[in-house]
Amino acid sequence: MAWTDALPTVRGKLLRDEPLGPYTWFRVGGNADVLFIPADADDLADFLKALDPAVPVQVLGVGSNVIVRDGGVEGVVVRLAGRPFGSVTVEGDTVTAGAGALDAMVARAAAKAGVAGLEFYAGIPGAIGGALTMNAGCYGAETKDVLVSAWGLNRAGERVDYQLADFGYTYRHSEAPADIIWIEATYRGRPDDPAAVQARMTAITERRETTQPIREKTGGSTFKNPEGHSSWKLVDDAGWRGKAFGGAKFSELHSNFMINFADATAADIEGLGEAVRADVKDKFGVDLQWEIRRIGRPA
């Protein structure tokens, strides 16, 4: 009997051979062997404890910064959706957010309550789980600047609690084990006039709308900025702005954003990134490192 025929009983949704493209901003990619949308954290913990330890498990957030390869994803893909994972509460200068909450939603809740420091999340097209994993940031601020603690579940379904120092954050990187599925994060901002916080957040949103291709099928920033360089400028100087590669290209508006402009495959998009990495290395001697996650099997 296949492992997919002996899955633990859950209260959420178990979807076998589920297409993942519709769950991503690029709208590409193959199927998950199994997609699990848990009802709540207890449902997820019970599932992980009962699942065969040999079965791979990974999380797919809102799909804003990921390429799902055309051959699909082996094992179980977990997606945290719905109220239990998307809640945001504010008490004093403390903001508590579920890992499935959109970064922008957390920024708005903080602004409404007069809590400053989380405005930068308005400029990040993702969810809190991903922000914790990669120390997400923009416009001079990062997750590590406001995070207090977080908790999640490891592959065995056991709760793990992390304080800020435990993450070992550096630029777009965390030392936390990759198998942790984050459930909730706590942040601390500082009191400020709600109108002033909202004004700063609006400025970030407007800047993003005028400089990034947010209406396109994109995946956010493609490459991390190498020390002493801007990725967009390296891509630009190498001649890749707007240059087609299959159905993919780097945006004319911002040349560190790839877009699916003509029914691209995941192979087109990843291939474009690798072609640019090789060209930039050859021309400028700089190693561009992916910021976008790439998961699954090639076609």
Protein backbone atom coordinates (compact mmCIF):
# COMPACT_ATOMS: atom_id res chain seq x y z
CA MET A 1 0.00 0.00 0.00
CA ALA A 2 1.28 3.48 -0.88
CA TRP A 3 1.93 5.91 1.97
CA THR A 4 -0.69 8.24 0.48
CA ASP A 5 -3.31 5.55 1.16
CA ALA A 6 -2.44 5.36 4.86
CA LEU A 7 -2.49 8.98 5.93
CA PRO A 8 -3.46 9.96 9.49
CA THR A 9 -7.02 11.08 10.17
CA VAL A 10 -7.33 14.88 10.24
CA ARG A 11 -9.94 17.56 10.85
CA GLY A 12 -8.59 19.76 8.07
CA LYS A 13 -8.26 19.00 4.34
CA LEU A 14 -6.06 16.34 2.75
CA LEU A 15 -5.83 16.74 -1.03
CA ARG A 16 -3.97 14.10 -3.03
CA ASP A 17 -2.14 14.96 -6.26
CA GLU A 18 -3.15 18.61 -5.84
CA PRO A 19 -1.93 21.20 -8.43
CA LEU A 20 0.21 23.82 -6.66
CA GLY A 21 0.43 26.42 -9.42
CA PRO A 22 -2.82 28.14 -8.36
CA TYR A 23 -1.39 28.61 -4.86
CA THR A 24 1.65 30.57 -6.11
CA TRP A 25 2.08 34.08 -7.49
CA PHE A 26 3.94 32.77 -10.54
CA ARG A 27 1.01 30.42 -11.27
CA VAL A 28 3.35 27.61 -12.34
CA GLY A 29 4.43 24.22 -11.06
CA GLY A 30 3.37 20.61 -10.72
CA ASN A 31 1.30 18.79 -8.14
CA ALA A 32 1.89 18.01 -4.49
CA ASP A 33 1.77 14.29 -3.68
CA VAL A 34 -0.43 15.48 -0.80
CA LEU A 35 -1.51 18.97 0.20
CA PHE A 36 -2.56 19.29 3.85
CA ILE A 37 -4.53 22.32 5.06
CA PRO A 38 -4.81 21.78 8.83
CA ALA A 39 -7.79 22.96 10.86
CA ASP A 40 -5.54 24.36 13.58
CA ALA A 41 -2.16 23.85 15.27
CA ASP A 42 -3.34 20.78 17.20
CA ASP A 43 -4.55 19.17 13.98
CA LEU A 44 -1.14 19.79 12.41
CA ALA A 45 0.74 18.47 15.46
CA ASP A 46 -1.31 15.26 15.56
CA PHE A 47 -0.80 14.72 11.83
CA LEU A 48 2.97 15.18 12.04
CA LYS A 49 3.24 12.81 15.00
CA ALA A 50 1.31 10.09 13.16
CA LEU A 51 2.86 10.55 9.70
CA ASP A 52 5.60 8.14 8.62
CA PRO A 53 8.86 9.95 9.53
CA ALA A 54 10.29 9.04 6.11
CA VAL A 55 7.72 11.19 4.29
CA PRO A 56 9.10 14.67 3.45
CA VAL A 57 7.11 17.65 4.71
CA GLN A 58 7.43 21.28 3.72
CA VAL A 59 5.41 24.45 4.02
CA LEU A 60 3.93 26.55 1.25
CA GLY A 61 2.85 29.98 2.49
CA VAL A 62 1.01 32.42 0.26
CA GLY A 63 3.33 31.42 -2.60
CA SER A 64 4.70 34.91 -3.16
CA ASN A 65 8.40 34.02 -3.07
CA VAL A 66 8.60 30.48 -4.40
CA ILE A 67 9.01 28.52 -7.61
CA VAL A 68 7.28 25.13 -7.57
CA ARG A 69 9.07 23.02 -10.16
CA ASP A 70 7.11 21.37 -12.96
CA GLY A 71 7.54 17.83 -11.64
CA GLY A 72 5.63 18.65 -8.45
CA VAL A 73 6.60 18.22 -4.81
CA GLU A 74 7.36 14.93 -3.11
CA GLY A 75 5.67 14.13 0.19
CA VAL A 76 3.31 16.44 2.05
CA VAL A 77 2.99 20.16 1.44
CA VAL A 78 1.44 22.02 4.39
CA ARG A 79 -0.47 25.23 3.83
CA LEU A 80 -1.57 27.29 6.82
CA ALA A 81 -4.83 28.97 5.87
CA GLY A 82 -7.86 30.34 7.62
CA ARG A 83 -8.59 32.09 10.88
CA PRO A 84 -6.52 30.00 13.34
CA PHE A 85 -3.32 30.80 11.45
CA GLY A 86 -4.18 34.27 10.18
CA SER A 87 -5.15 36.07 13.38
CA VAL A 88 -3.47 39.31 14.54
CA THR A 89 -3.89 40.83 18.00
CA VAL A 90 -2.38 43.96 19.55
CA GLU A 91 -1.94 44.64 23.27
CA GLY A 92 -0.07 47.79 24.19
CA ASP A 93 3.08 47.82 22.05
CA THR A 94 3.00 44.02 21.50
CA VAL A 95 1.71 42.47 18.27
CA THR A 96 0.96 38.73 18.04
CA ALA A 97 0.41 37.24 14.60
CA GLY A 98 -0.32 33.81 13.20
CA ALA A 99 2.18 32.44 10.69
CA GLY A 100 -0.47 32.53 7.97
CA ALA A 101 -1.22 36.22 8.45
CA LEU A 102 -0.18 38.43 5.55
CA ASP A 103 2.72 40.73 6.37
CA ALA A 104 0.73 43.72 5.14
CA MET A 105 -2.22 42.78 7.36
CA VAL A 106 0.09 42.76 10.40
CA ALA A 107 1.42 46.19 9.43
CA ARG A 108 -2.12 47.54 9.12
CA ALA A 109 -3.18 46.13 12.50
CA ALA A 110 -0.16 47.69 14.19
CA ALA A 111 -0.75 51.04 12.51
CA LYS A 112 -4.41 51.10 13.53
CA ALA A 113 -3.40 50.47 17.16
CA GLY A 114 -0.72 53.16 17.10
CA VAL A 115 2.25 50.77 17.19
CA ALA A 116 5.26 51.87 15.15
CA GLY A 117 8.12 49.73 13.85
CA LEU A 118 6.25 47.23 11.69
CA GLU A 119 5.45 49.59 8.82
CA PHE A 120 8.01 47.87 6.57
CA TYR A 121 5.84 44.76 6.48
CA ALA A 122 3.45 46.73 4.25
CA GLY A 123 6.08 46.42 1.51
CA ILE A 124 6.58 42.65 1.73
CA PRO A 125 4.28 40.39 -0.33
CA GLY A 126 4.25 37.36 1.94
CA ALA A 127 3.07 35.87 5.21
CA ILE A 128 4.59 35.85 8.69
CA GLY A 129 5.85 32.25 8.48
CA GLY A 130 8.04 33.14 5.53
CA ALA A 131 9.15 36.37 7.16
CA LEU A 132 10.39 34.39 10.18
CA THR A 133 12.21 31.89 7.98
CA MET A 134 14.13 34.43 5.91
CA ASN A 135 14.35 37.52 8.16
CA ALA A 136 12.21 39.35 5.63
CA GLY A 137 12.70 43.08 5.32
CA CYS A 138 12.69 46.09 3.04
CA TYR A 139 13.45 49.81 3.01
CA GLY A 140 16.01 49.60 5.79
CA ALA A 141 14.13 47.44 8.31
CA GLU A 142 14.07 43.67 8.95
CA THR A 143 12.12 41.13 10.95
CA LYS A 144 14.93 40.89 13.50
CA ASP A 145 14.42 44.56 14.42
CA VAL A 146 10.97 43.94 15.95
CA LEU A 147 10.65 40.21 16.63
CA VAL A 148 10.50 39.08 20.26
CA SER A 149 9.75 35.36 19.95
CA ALA A 150 7.98 32.71 17.93
CA TRP A 151 6.82 29.14 18.29
CA GLY A 152 6.26 26.32 15.88
CA LEU A 153 6.21 22.56 15.37
CA ASN A 154 9.12 20.37 14.33
CA ARG A 155 8.83 17.39 11.98
CA ALA A 156 7.89 15.15 14.92
CA GLY A 157 4.97 17.42 15.80
CA GLU A 158 6.63 18.73 18.95
CA ARG A 159 6.34 22.36 19.99
CA VAL A 160 9.52 24.44 19.80
CA ASP A 161 9.86 27.93 21.27
CA TYR A 162 12.37 30.45 19.93
CA GLN A 163 13.50 33.79 21.28
CA LEU A 164 14.93 36.34 18.85
CA ALA A 165 18.54 35.38 19.63
CA ASP A 166 17.82 31.73 18.86
CA PHE A 167 17.18 32.51 15.19
CA GLY A 168 20.76 33.63 14.52
CA TYR A 169 19.46 36.08 11.94
CA THR A 170 21.66 37.51 9.23
CA TYR A 171 20.66 39.13 5.93
CA ARG A 172 17.72 37.10 4.55
CA HIS A 173 18.79 34.07 6.55
CA SER A 174 17.96 32.22 9.76
CA GLU A 175 19.87 29.49 11.56
CA ALA A 176 16.62 27.85 12.73
CA PRO A 177 16.13 24.28 11.43
CA ALA A 178 14.37 24.21 8.08
CA ASP A 179 11.84 21.61 9.26
CA ILE A 180 10.14 23.91 11.77
CA ILE A 181 6.64 24.95 10.77
CA TRP A 182 6.09 28.32 12.42
CA ILE A 183 2.71 28.84 14.03
CA GLU A 184 2.83 32.23 15.75
CA ALA A 185 5.14 35.21 16.27
CA THR A 186 5.28 38.01 18.83
CA TYR A 187 6.63 41.46 17.99
CA ARG A 188 7.30 44.59 19.99
CA GLY A 189 7.01 48.02 18.45
CA ARG A 190 6.79 51.43 20.05
CA PRO A 191 3.80 53.71 20.74
CA ASP A 192 3.15 56.40 18.15
CA ASP A 193 0.29 58.42 16.71
CA PRO A 194 -1.78 56.08 14.49
CA ALA A 195 -2.00 58.73 11.76
CA ALA A 196 1.79 59.11 11.69
CA VAL A 197 2.30 55.33 11.48
CA GLN A 198 -0.32 55.08 8.74
CA ALA A 199 1.35 57.88 6.77
CA ARG A 200 4.70 56.08 6.79
CA MET A 201 3.02 52.83 5.81
CA THR A 202 1.18 54.55 2.95
CA ALA A 203 4.46 55.97 1.67
CA ILE A 204 5.97 52.46 1.62
CA THR A 205 2.94 51.05 -0.20
CA GLU A 206 2.96 53.83 -2.80
CA ARG A 207 6.69 53.42 -3.38
CA ARG A 208 6.24 49.71 -3.93
CA GLU A 209 3.35 50.21 -6.34
CA THR A 210 5.37 52.60 -8.51
CA THR A 211 8.65 50.65 -8.53
CA GLN A 212 7.63 46.97 -8.53
CA PRO A 213 5.51 44.88 -10.95
CA ILE A 214 2.96 43.93 -8.28
CA ARG A 215 0.12 43.43 -10.79
CA GLU A 216 2.10 40.78 -12.69
CA LYS A 217 2.63 37.07 -12.04
CA THR A 218 5.86 37.56 -10.13
CA GLY A 219 7.73 36.19 -7.15
CA GLY A 220 9.17 39.22 -5.39
CA SER A 221 12.90 39.87 -5.22
CA THR A 222 14.75 37.16 -7.15
CA PHE A 223 18.27 37.58 -5.78
CA LYS A 224 19.74 38.76 -2.50
CA ASN A 225 21.84 41.89 -2.74
CA PRO A 226 25.53 40.86 -2.75
CA GLU A 227 27.73 42.87 -0.41
CA GLY A 228 28.61 46.14 -2.11
CA HIS A 229 26.18 45.60 -4.99
CA SER A 230 22.50 45.90 -5.92
CA SER A 231 21.11 42.82 -7.63
CA TRP A 232 18.81 44.83 -9.88
CA LYS A 233 21.75 46.84 -11.22
CA LEU A 234 23.82 43.73 -11.93
CA VAL A 235 20.89 42.18 -13.83
CA ASP A 236 20.36 45.46 -15.65
CA ASP A 237 24.03 45.97 -16.53
CA ALA A 238 24.21 42.40 -17.85
CA GLY A 239 21.43 43.27 -20.29
CA TRP A 240 18.60 41.15 -18.93
CA ARG A 241 15.94 43.76 -18.18
CA GLY A 242 12.89 42.82 -20.27
CA LYS A 243 14.75 40.07 -22.18
CA ALA A 244 12.53 37.03 -22.78
CA PHE A 245 13.56 33.52 -21.75
CA GLY A 246 10.75 31.21 -22.79
CA GLY A 247 7.67 32.75 -21.20
CA ALA A 248 9.63 34.51 -18.46
CA LYS A 249 11.62 37.72 -18.22
CA PHE A 250 12.97 40.22 -15.73
CA SER A 251 10.55 43.10 -15.38
CA GLU A 252 11.14 46.36 -17.23
CA LEU A 253 9.91 48.13 -14.08
CA HIS A 254 12.29 46.44 -11.65
CA SER A 255 15.04 44.19 -12.95
CA ASN A 256 15.30 42.03 -9.83
CA PHE A 257 11.72 40.82 -10.32
CA MET A 258 11.03 37.96 -12.70
CA ILE A 259 7.58 37.76 -14.26
CA ASN A 260 5.61 35.07 -16.01
CA PHE A 261 4.43 37.10 -18.99
CA ALA A 262 3.57 34.40 -21.53
CA ASP A 263 2.49 31.09 -20.01
CA ALA A 264 5.94 30.32 -18.67
CA THR A 265 6.81 26.98 -17.14
CA ALA A 266 8.62 26.72 -13.84
CA ALA A 267 11.63 25.57 -15.88
CA ASP A 268 11.48 28.83 -17.88
CA ILE A 269 11.48 30.92 -14.71
CA GLU A 270 14.20 29.01 -12.88
CA GLY A 271 16.20 28.71 -16.09
CA LEU A 272 16.05 32.47 -16.55
CA GLY A 273 17.40 32.99 -13.06
CA GLU A 274 20.24 30.53 -13.59
CA ALA A 275 21.12 32.06 -16.98
CA VAL A 276 21.36 35.49 -15.37
CA ARG A 277 23.44 34.16 -12.48
CA ALA A 278 25.91 32.63 -14.93
CA ASP A 279 26.07 35.77 -17.06
CA VAL A 280 26.57 38.10 -14.08
CA LYS A 281 29.31 35.81 -12.75
CA ASP A 282 31.02 35.78 -16.14
CA LYS A 283 30.79 39.55 -16.73
CA PHE A 284 31.27 40.96 -13.23
CA GLY A 285 32.66 38.11 -11.10
CA VAL A 286 29.73 38.37 -8.67
CA ASP A 287 27.81 35.34 -7.37
CA LEU A 288 24.10 36.16 -7.22
CA GLN A 289 22.30 34.09 -4.57
CA TRP A 290 18.64 33.18 -4.91
CA GLU A 291 16.20 34.86 -2.57
CA ILE A 292 13.26 33.00 -4.12
CA ARG A 293 12.77 29.46 -2.81
CA ARG A 294 12.73 26.69 -5.39
CA ILE A 295 11.02 23.47 -4.36
CA GLY A 296 10.06 20.17 -5.93
CA ARG A 297 11.18 18.01 -8.83
CA PRO A 298 12.09 19.07 -12.36
CA ALA A 299 9.68 17.94 -15.05
